[in-house]
Amino acid sequence: MFTALYVINLESGEQKQLTFPKNNKIDNTPQVVGSTITWYRTSEKEDQGDVWVKDSMDAQEHRWLKNVDSPPTFFL
């Protein structure tokens, strides 16, 4: 199974796709700090992946870290 991340409004049930991985990619381990979301993008056959960032719901996603072993953990 390949995944993308979605934002779901629990009151209305409206869903909006947040990430758009290419074929055979998996977006997982999302973390939100303020209005910024990060996630780990990999495939099931790779040992390493990339950390992606989106600064707000409407911002363009971009790769932040390339070829990392695991996603970082952010503490507030």
Protein backbone atom coordinates (compact mmCIF):
# COMPACT_ATOMS: atom_id res chain seq x y z
CA MET A 1 0.00 0.00 0.00
CA PHE A 2 1.32 3.44 -0.91
CA THR A 3 0.32 6.47 1.10
CA ALA A 4 -0.21 10.20 0.94
CA LEU A 5 -1.12 12.50 3.83
CA TYR A 6 -4.55 14.12 4.14
CA VAL A 7 -6.05 16.84 6.32
CA ILE A 8 -9.50 15.89 7.59
CA ASN A 9 -11.96 18.34 9.12
CA LEU A 10 -13.57 16.27 11.87
CA GLU A 11 -16.68 18.47 12.02
CA SER A 12 -17.54 18.51 8.31
CA GLY A 13 -15.77 15.33 7.21
CA GLU A 14 -14.09 17.28 4.38
CA GLN A 15 -10.77 15.80 3.25
CA LYS A 16 -7.92 17.57 1.46
CA GLN A 17 -4.84 15.79 0.13
CA LEU A 18 -1.74 17.37 1.65
CA THR A 19 1.12 15.43 0.03
CA PHE A 20 1.53 14.07 -3.47
CA PRO A 21 4.14 11.28 -3.57
CA LYS A 22 5.23 9.84 -6.90
CA ASN A 23 4.50 6.22 -7.81
CA ASN A 24 5.74 3.61 -5.33
CA LYS A 25 6.53 6.19 -2.63
CA ILE A 26 5.22 6.20 0.93
CA ASP A 27 4.66 9.35 3.01
CA ASN A 28 4.65 8.61 6.73
CA THR A 29 5.67 9.84 10.19
CA PRO A 30 4.10 13.31 9.89
CA GLN A 31 4.99 15.88 12.56
CA VAL A 32 3.42 19.31 12.98
CA VAL A 33 5.11 22.28 14.65
CA GLY A 34 3.01 25.43 14.44
CA SER A 35 1.82 25.65 10.84
CA THR A 36 4.74 23.58 9.48
CA ILE A 37 4.40 19.87 8.73
CA THR A 38 7.27 17.47 8.04
CA TRP A 39 7.11 13.85 6.88
CA TYR A 40 9.35 11.01 5.79
CA ARG A 41 9.09 9.84 2.16
CA THR A 42 10.52 6.49 1.15
CA SER A 43 9.60 3.35 -0.75
CA GLU A 44 9.21 -0.13 0.65
CA LYS A 45 12.41 -1.27 -1.09
CA GLU A 46 14.68 1.57 0.12
CA ASP A 47 16.63 1.66 3.37
CA GLN A 48 16.82 5.45 3.31
CA GLY A 49 14.35 8.20 2.55
CA ASP A 50 13.94 11.96 2.40
CA VAL A 51 12.41 14.40 4.86
CA TRP A 52 9.90 16.75 3.25
CA VAL A 53 8.51 20.04 4.58
CA LYS A 54 5.42 22.09 3.91
CA ASP A 55 5.34 25.48 5.67
CA SER A 56 1.54 25.79 5.60
CA MET A 57 -1.49 24.06 4.11
CA ASP A 58 -1.23 26.11 0.92
CA ALA A 59 2.56 26.18 0.61
CA GLN A 60 4.55 24.13 -1.88
CA GLU A 61 6.16 21.01 -0.41
CA HIS A 62 9.94 20.71 -0.70
CA ARG A 63 12.62 18.18 0.21
CA TRP A 64 14.53 19.31 3.29
CA LEU A 65 16.89 16.36 3.99
CA LYS A 66 18.01 13.76 1.45
CA ASN A 67 18.98 10.10 2.03
CA VAL A 68 18.44 9.84 5.79
CA ASP A 69 18.06 6.58 7.72
CA SER A 70 14.97 7.66 9.67
CA PRO A 71 12.81 10.73 10.19
CA PRO A 72 13.96 13.26 12.80
CA THR A 73 11.92 13.82 15.95
CA PHE A 74 11.07 17.40 16.86
CA PHE A 75 10.48 18.42 20.48
CA LEU A 76 8.67 21.58 21.50
